[in-house]
Amino acid sequence: MERVETVKKRQISLETNAYRLAALLKLLGNMDIATIGEDQVTMVQRERLKDRKAPATINSETRLLKQIVRWALDKGLVGRELNVEKIPEPRRRIALPTQKEVEAILAHLPESTALLVHLLGETGFPSGEAFHLQWNDLDFQQNTISVQPKGPWTPKTQHSHRTVALTPTLMLALGAARSAYLATLDPGEEPSPLVFRGRGGGRVWDFRKALATAVAAAGVTRAGQPLHITPHMFRKAHATWLAERGVNEALLQPRLGHAPGSRVTQESYVHVQSPEALKATVIFLDNHRRTA
């Protein structure tokens, strides 16, 4: 709580910690922290697997346990850190939309939602950053958007505070949307600072229903079924498109708001899968023999 108050930690992160701690307390709540070791960690992992919890969920809980023991070590409550061997997390193959498919989906979305999806696809923003975007974050001269704290809301990490370049086409569309919105206001009415507004003028929280309808209408399918797309998948798709284009990770990470050298970019966001990209990895060694 002190870290939240001093802006070193986000409130939502604290709430997530509390949720994970509740799971740990069910198994370890009656134990002295000084007695918790590798055997107890293995017990937690085994019991949580019996509860059919995903490896990623269990690993996040045991990481928190490791942090708690490290805190206890700093306070002199325990004599050593906790060694935690994580459960292997098989990487799921995610079916991401191609750029052409996203263009087709945009054609079947309501105008305001289409602009939001357009922004997500071209910037790779998490939906939370887009939902909190304000007009004063846009620089129409430089064609850029700044991601910065807004009251109680803050970007996920310090590296998430960044400026992202936009295409002139997207910037023009945002400018046109702003002009159209201002034209709807009554004289003297205070305009909302939000770029994307939900019903009643408040913040947008979800648009998955409209997205699913547009995917079906656009005929975007996998294995004969409409492709399941979540707002966060546009961020993964954006990272993948740039990687397939050959954009260096040193440029990709600051655009996404990842720390330099972070493994999460390649491990969680880049899913190279297009036939053209896979064909580009083929090595042809038979040309010399054929020529001879």
Protein backbone atom coordinates (compact mmCIF):
# COMPACT_ATOMS: atom_id res chain seq x y z
CA MET A 1 0.00 0.00 0.00
CA GLU A 2 2.92 2.33 0.71
CA ARG A 3 4.28 1.61 -2.77
CA VAL A 4 0.91 2.50 -4.30
CA GLU A 5 0.79 5.73 -2.31
CA THR A 6 4.27 6.66 -3.55
CA VAL A 7 3.35 5.76 -7.18
CA LYS A 8 5.84 2.86 -7.29
CA LYS A 9 3.07 0.33 -7.80
CA ARG A 10 -0.35 0.44 -9.43
CA GLN A 11 -3.51 -0.08 -7.38
CA ILE A 12 -4.68 -2.81 -9.75
CA SER A 13 -1.41 -4.67 -9.19
CA LEU A 14 -1.98 -4.58 -5.45
CA GLU A 15 -5.49 -5.95 -5.94
CA THR A 16 -4.10 -8.75 -8.13
CA ASN A 17 -1.54 -9.57 -5.43
CA ALA A 18 -4.34 -9.81 -2.87
CA TYR A 19 -6.28 -12.20 -5.09
CA ARG A 20 -3.24 -14.47 -5.47
CA LEU A 21 -2.46 -14.22 -1.78
CA ALA A 22 -5.96 -15.51 -0.96
CA ALA A 23 -5.18 -18.72 -2.86
CA LEU A 24 -1.87 -19.11 -1.01
CA LEU A 25 -3.46 -18.55 2.40
CA LYS A 26 -5.84 -21.49 1.89
CA LEU A 27 -2.83 -23.83 1.71
CA LEU A 28 -0.19 -22.05 3.80
CA GLY A 29 -2.13 -19.72 6.08
CA ASN A 30 -1.50 -21.73 9.24
CA MET A 31 2.24 -22.09 8.68
CA ASP A 32 5.10 -20.05 10.12
CA ILE A 33 6.74 -18.34 7.15
CA ALA A 34 10.17 -19.44 8.39
CA THR A 35 9.16 -23.08 7.83
CA ILE A 36 8.08 -22.62 4.21
CA GLY A 37 10.56 -24.24 1.82
CA GLU A 38 10.75 -26.10 -1.47
CA ASP A 39 8.54 -28.95 -0.21
CA GLN A 40 5.75 -26.54 0.64
CA VAL A 41 6.05 -24.85 -2.76
CA THR A 42 5.75 -28.26 -4.45
CA MET A 43 2.67 -28.98 -2.34
CA VAL A 44 1.08 -25.71 -3.44
CA GLN A 45 1.80 -26.48 -7.09
CA ARG A 46 0.40 -30.00 -6.77
CA GLU A 47 -2.81 -28.89 -5.06
CA ARG A 48 -3.42 -26.04 -7.50
CA LEU A 49 -2.93 -28.43 -10.43
CA LYS A 50 -5.56 -30.69 -8.84
CA ASP A 51 -7.85 -27.65 -8.85
CA ARG A 52 -7.19 -27.47 -12.62
CA LYS A 53 -5.50 -24.10 -12.41
CA ALA A 54 -3.34 -23.12 -15.38
CA PRO A 55 0.46 -23.34 -14.99
CA ALA A 56 0.72 -19.59 -15.61
CA THR A 57 -1.69 -18.92 -12.72
CA ILE A 58 0.20 -21.22 -10.36
CA ASN A 59 3.55 -19.70 -11.33
CA SER A 60 2.24 -16.20 -10.65
CA GLU A 61 1.10 -17.32 -7.19
CA THR A 62 4.44 -18.94 -6.32
CA ARG A 63 6.28 -15.85 -7.60
CA LEU A 64 4.27 -13.82 -5.12
CA LEU A 65 5.19 -16.30 -2.38
CA LYS A 66 8.84 -15.82 -3.27
CA GLN A 67 8.42 -12.04 -3.03
CA ILE A 68 6.78 -12.38 0.40
CA VAL A 69 9.65 -14.52 1.70
CA ARG A 70 12.15 -12.01 0.31
CA TRP A 71 10.28 -9.25 2.17
CA ALA A 72 10.39 -11.39 5.33
CA LEU A 73 14.15 -11.83 4.83
CA ASP A 74 14.57 -8.04 4.66
CA LYS A 75 12.62 -7.78 7.94
CA GLY A 76 14.76 -10.45 9.60
CA LEU A 77 11.86 -12.89 9.92
CA VAL A 78 13.50 -15.69 7.90
CA GLY A 79 17.07 -16.72 7.29
CA ARG A 80 17.10 -17.38 3.55
CA GLU A 81 15.29 -16.74 0.29
CA LEU A 82 12.91 -19.27 -1.21
CA ASN A 83 13.98 -21.31 -4.20
CA VAL A 84 11.02 -21.68 -6.59
CA GLU A 85 11.10 -23.97 -9.62
CA LYS A 86 8.25 -22.93 -11.86
CA ILE A 87 5.90 -25.26 -13.70
CA PRO A 88 6.56 -25.43 -17.46
CA GLU A 89 4.10 -23.26 -19.36
CA PRO A 90 3.37 -24.68 -22.82
CA ARG A 91 3.01 -21.82 -25.26
CA ARG A 92 -0.41 -21.79 -26.84
CA ARG A 93 -0.63 -21.27 -30.56
CA ILE A 94 -2.79 -18.20 -31.07
CA ALA A 95 -4.69 -17.59 -34.29
CA LEU A 96 -4.13 -13.90 -35.00
CA PRO A 97 -5.87 -11.92 -37.72
CA THR A 98 -3.88 -10.74 -40.72
CA GLN A 99 -3.78 -7.09 -41.73
CA LYS A 100 -6.23 -7.75 -44.58
CA GLU A 101 -8.61 -9.48 -42.18
CA VAL A 102 -8.52 -6.55 -39.77
CA GLU A 103 -9.29 -4.20 -42.66
CA ALA A 104 -12.31 -6.37 -43.51
CA ILE A 105 -13.46 -6.33 -39.88
CA LEU A 106 -13.17 -2.53 -39.74
CA ALA A 107 -15.65 -2.25 -42.63
CA HIS A 108 -18.34 -3.97 -40.52
CA LEU A 109 -17.89 -2.03 -37.28
CA PRO A 110 -19.77 1.10 -36.17
CA GLU A 111 -17.77 4.22 -36.97
CA SER A 112 -16.56 4.98 -33.45
CA THR A 113 -15.65 1.36 -32.68
CA ALA A 114 -13.91 1.05 -36.05
CA LEU A 115 -11.71 4.02 -35.16
CA LEU A 116 -10.83 2.41 -31.83
CA VAL A 117 -9.89 -0.91 -33.50
CA HIS A 118 -7.97 1.04 -36.17
CA LEU A 119 -5.93 2.64 -33.39
CA LEU A 120 -5.31 -0.68 -31.60
CA GLY A 121 -4.17 -2.35 -34.79
CA GLU A 122 -1.82 0.44 -35.87
CA THR A 123 -0.30 1.21 -32.45
CA GLY A 124 -0.39 -2.06 -30.51
CA PHE A 125 -1.85 -0.22 -27.50
CA PRO A 126 -3.40 -2.31 -24.72
CA SER A 127 -7.11 -1.57 -24.60
CA GLY A 128 -6.69 0.20 -21.23
CA GLU A 129 -4.32 2.75 -22.76
CA ALA A 130 -6.76 3.39 -25.61
CA PHE A 131 -9.76 3.67 -23.27
CA HIS A 132 -7.97 6.34 -21.20
CA LEU A 133 -6.67 8.27 -24.21
CA GLN A 134 -7.44 12.00 -24.09
CA TRP A 135 -7.39 14.61 -26.83
CA ASN A 136 -4.47 16.46 -25.28
CA ASP A 137 -2.37 13.28 -25.68
CA LEU A 138 -2.49 13.72 -29.46
CA ASP A 139 0.03 15.88 -31.31
CA PHE A 140 -1.57 16.61 -34.68
CA GLN A 141 1.57 18.41 -35.88
CA GLN A 142 3.96 15.54 -35.19
CA ASN A 143 1.45 12.71 -35.79
CA THR A 144 2.16 11.18 -32.36
CA ILE A 145 0.32 10.02 -29.25
CA SER A 146 1.75 10.23 -25.73
CA VAL A 147 0.91 7.55 -23.19
CA GLN A 148 0.99 9.17 -19.76
CA PRO A 149 -0.73 8.94 -16.34
CA LYS A 150 -4.26 10.32 -15.95
CA GLY A 151 -5.34 10.91 -12.36
CA PRO A 152 -5.52 7.56 -10.55
CA TRP A 153 -4.85 5.63 -13.77
CA THR A 154 -1.25 5.05 -14.80
CA PRO A 155 0.39 3.01 -17.56
CA LYS A 156 1.52 -0.44 -16.49
CA THR A 157 5.23 0.33 -15.98
CA GLN A 158 7.64 3.25 -16.34
CA HIS A 159 8.56 1.90 -19.78
CA SER A 160 4.90 2.22 -20.77
CA HIS A 161 5.24 6.01 -20.58
CA ARG A 162 6.09 6.66 -24.22
CA THR A 163 5.34 8.54 -27.42
CA VAL A 164 4.11 6.51 -30.39
CA ALA A 165 4.14 7.62 -34.03
CA LEU A 166 0.91 7.30 -36.06
CA THR A 167 0.21 7.14 -39.76
CA PRO A 168 -1.13 10.41 -41.25
CA THR A 169 -4.30 8.53 -42.28
CA LEU A 170 -5.10 7.51 -38.72
CA MET A 171 -4.28 10.98 -37.42
CA LEU A 172 -6.65 12.54 -39.97
CA ALA A 173 -9.39 10.11 -38.92
CA LEU A 174 -8.88 11.06 -35.26
CA GLY A 175 -8.98 14.76 -36.14
CA ALA A 176 -12.20 14.28 -38.12
CA ALA A 177 -13.75 12.39 -35.19
CA ARG A 178 -12.84 15.22 -32.85
CA SER A 179 -14.40 17.84 -35.12
CA ALA A 180 -17.58 15.76 -35.52
CA TYR A 181 -17.84 15.33 -31.74
CA LEU A 182 -17.38 19.04 -31.01
CA ALA A 183 -20.10 19.84 -33.55
CA THR A 184 -22.62 17.81 -31.51
CA LEU A 185 -22.12 19.87 -28.32
CA ASP A 186 -24.60 22.50 -27.20
CA PRO A 187 -23.33 26.08 -26.77
CA GLY A 188 -21.38 26.31 -23.52
CA GLU A 189 -21.32 22.53 -23.02
CA GLU A 190 -17.98 21.27 -21.70
CA PRO A 191 -16.43 18.69 -24.06
CA SER A 192 -15.25 15.37 -22.69
CA PRO A 193 -11.45 14.97 -22.70
CA LEU A 194 -11.82 11.31 -23.72
CA VAL A 195 -11.12 10.32 -27.31
CA PHE A 196 -13.33 7.22 -27.07
CA ARG A 197 -16.56 7.50 -25.13
CA GLY A 198 -19.13 4.89 -24.21
CA ARG A 199 -22.82 5.24 -23.57
CA GLY A 200 -23.66 8.37 -21.65
CA GLY A 201 -20.30 9.90 -22.51
CA GLY A 202 -18.35 7.80 -20.02
CA ARG A 203 -15.29 5.68 -20.65
CA VAL A 204 -15.47 2.70 -22.98
CA TRP A 205 -15.03 -0.56 -21.07
CA ASP A 206 -15.77 -3.30 -23.58
CA PHE A 207 -16.61 -3.77 -27.26
CA ARG A 208 -16.24 -7.54 -27.66
CA LYS A 209 -19.86 -8.06 -28.71
CA ALA A 210 -19.58 -5.57 -31.58
CA LEU A 211 -16.23 -7.11 -32.51
CA ALA A 212 -17.64 -10.65 -32.66
CA THR A 213 -20.53 -9.45 -34.85
CA ALA A 214 -18.11 -7.72 -37.24
CA VAL A 215 -15.81 -10.77 -37.43
CA ALA A 216 -18.75 -12.96 -38.44
CA ALA A 217 -20.02 -10.41 -40.96
CA ALA A 218 -16.53 -10.06 -42.49
CA GLY A 219 -16.25 -13.83 -42.89
CA VAL A 220 -12.98 -14.06 -40.97
CA THR A 221 -12.73 -17.72 -39.99
CA ARG A 222 -10.39 -20.43 -38.78
CA ALA A 223 -11.29 -24.11 -39.25
CA GLY A 224 -14.71 -23.08 -40.53
CA GLN A 225 -15.61 -21.04 -37.45
CA PRO A 226 -15.55 -17.24 -36.91
CA LEU A 227 -12.15 -16.24 -35.55
CA HIS A 228 -12.32 -15.47 -31.83
CA ILE A 229 -10.70 -12.07 -31.37
CA THR A 230 -10.25 -10.17 -28.12
CA PRO A 231 -9.12 -6.53 -27.88
CA HIS A 232 -5.70 -7.65 -26.58
CA MET A 233 -5.13 -9.76 -29.70
CA PHE A 234 -4.69 -6.60 -31.76
CA ARG A 235 -1.62 -5.85 -29.61
CA LYS A 236 -0.17 -9.29 -30.32
CA ALA A 237 -1.09 -8.97 -34.00
CA HIS A 238 0.65 -5.57 -34.19
CA ALA A 239 3.83 -6.99 -32.66
CA THR A 240 3.71 -9.97 -35.01
CA TRP A 241 3.19 -7.84 -38.13
CA LEU A 242 6.19 -5.69 -37.24
CA ALA A 243 8.34 -8.75 -36.49
CA GLU A 244 7.36 -10.33 -39.82
CA ARG A 245 8.36 -7.09 -41.51
CA GLY A 246 11.81 -7.42 -39.93
CA VAL A 247 11.51 -4.62 -37.37
CA ASN A 248 14.31 -5.02 -34.81
CA GLU A 249 13.31 -5.87 -31.25
CA ALA A 250 15.16 -2.78 -30.03
CA LEU A 251 12.55 -0.71 -31.90
CA LEU A 252 9.61 -3.00 -31.23
CA GLN A 253 9.98 -2.96 -27.44
CA PRO A 254 9.78 0.82 -26.89
CA ARG A 255 6.80 0.96 -29.25
CA LEU A 256 4.97 -1.64 -27.16
CA GLY A 257 6.14 -0.13 -23.87
CA HIS A 258 8.31 -3.10 -22.90
CA ALA A 259 11.58 -2.82 -21.02
CA PRO A 260 14.75 -3.06 -23.16
CA GLY A 261 15.83 -6.69 -23.38
CA SER A 262 12.55 -7.98 -21.92
CA ARG A 263 11.81 -11.60 -22.84
CA VAL A 264 8.07 -11.01 -22.75
CA THR A 265 8.12 -9.44 -26.24
CA GLN A 266 9.18 -12.63 -28.01
CA GLU A 267 7.68 -15.08 -25.52
CA SER A 268 4.18 -13.59 -25.35
CA TYR A 269 3.60 -11.13 -28.17
CA VAL A 270 5.31 -12.24 -31.37
CA HIS A 271 3.54 -15.16 -33.07
CA VAL A 272 4.97 -15.38 -36.60
CA GLN A 273 2.54 -17.53 -38.54
CA SER A 274 1.71 -16.12 -41.98
CA PRO A 275 2.54 -18.42 -44.92
CA GLU A 276 4.64 -15.67 -46.53
CA ALA A 277 6.74 -15.22 -43.37
CA LEU A 278 7.21 -18.97 -42.96
CA LYS A 279 8.25 -19.35 -46.61
CA ALA A 280 10.89 -16.67 -46.04
CA THR A 281 12.61 -19.00 -43.55
CA VAL A 282 13.23 -21.72 -46.16
CA ILE A 283 16.91 -22.20 -47.06
CA PHE A 284 17.53 -23.38 -50.64
CA LEU A 285 20.86 -25.19 -51.03
CA ASP A 286 20.25 -26.94 -54.34
CA ASN A 287 20.82 -24.00 -56.65
CA HIS A 288 24.60 -24.54 -57.06
CA ARG A 289 24.16 -28.22 -58.01
CA ARG A 290 21.45 -27.40 -60.53
CA THR A 291 23.62 -24.71 -62.10
CA ALA A 292 26.56 -27.12 -62.39
